[in-house]
């Protein structure tokens, strides 16, 4: 009897609304490594898939934005724990996707996990940085507090398949937004594997939705969608970014233009700061009377 056996090849699927559908179009495309060797077939998302992802993200927004910031931090940290447990898988996928040695891929994966932990720690602190009491002339408390923008479409970086991906997804959901993520067209497998981690974490279904396929094809309906509140153009080239920005203007979307770090040879390992969190926050300001002022100028 021969010991030969058939390989069990992995079928990658989309991650939408906490479930793993194939593209409704039934299409797939070949994903290859840096040397052109076939790795897998990834779903080729359609415009309908993009619309379904927006519906899922909108449905999840109320519960996720209404959760306490502390609870969101706990959930993000739990995701980091699970990523650590699947570290070897991601090292292999990143090495194949980006043509890196195993040691360099491991450094990228470790940085991505650390980045996720970093954003988990920010969930209950960002309000202290961008909110607070405002001095006003009159017997009023004037308090500003940040609130999430809503459903954010995120075009993941093209070259940094995992660290770049985490760097654009984590800040969006850390602040209470929900996300529709378009994975790197060339290297979508680490992103699709992230969906498997999110599905088995405490993250509610629909908070993050992951699509793979042709970036321009998926991004166009997201940019013009009336129920998408903002879009991060990290993974868009100059020409596509301009087209999407014009489409996004129709319903006054917030647009985060591609940054210098988004380029092909960008260094995503640098400390990111708070810019990607504050890009998708609105400021709510509340006035409240302090009561009658005494001789000292205060009733307290």
Foldseek 3Di string as FASTA:
>chain_A
DDPDDDDDADAFAWAAQLDGDAAPVPDWDFAFFPVRHTRYTYGAHAQVNLVRLLVLQQVCQVVQQPDALLVLLVLLLQLLVVLVVCLVVQLVLQCRHQVHDSVVSSVLSVLLSVLSNVLSVCLNPVQVVPWAWDDDPDQKTKTKGKGFQEEEEEEFFQRSQRSSRSVQLNLNSSPRYAYEYEGRQNRRVVVSVSSVSCSPTPNRGSSYTYDYHDCLRNLQSLLQPLSHAAYECLHPDPVSQVVSVVNNPVNDHQYHYHDPQSDNPHDSSPDDPNVSNVSGIDMDMDMDGQDDQDPVRHPD
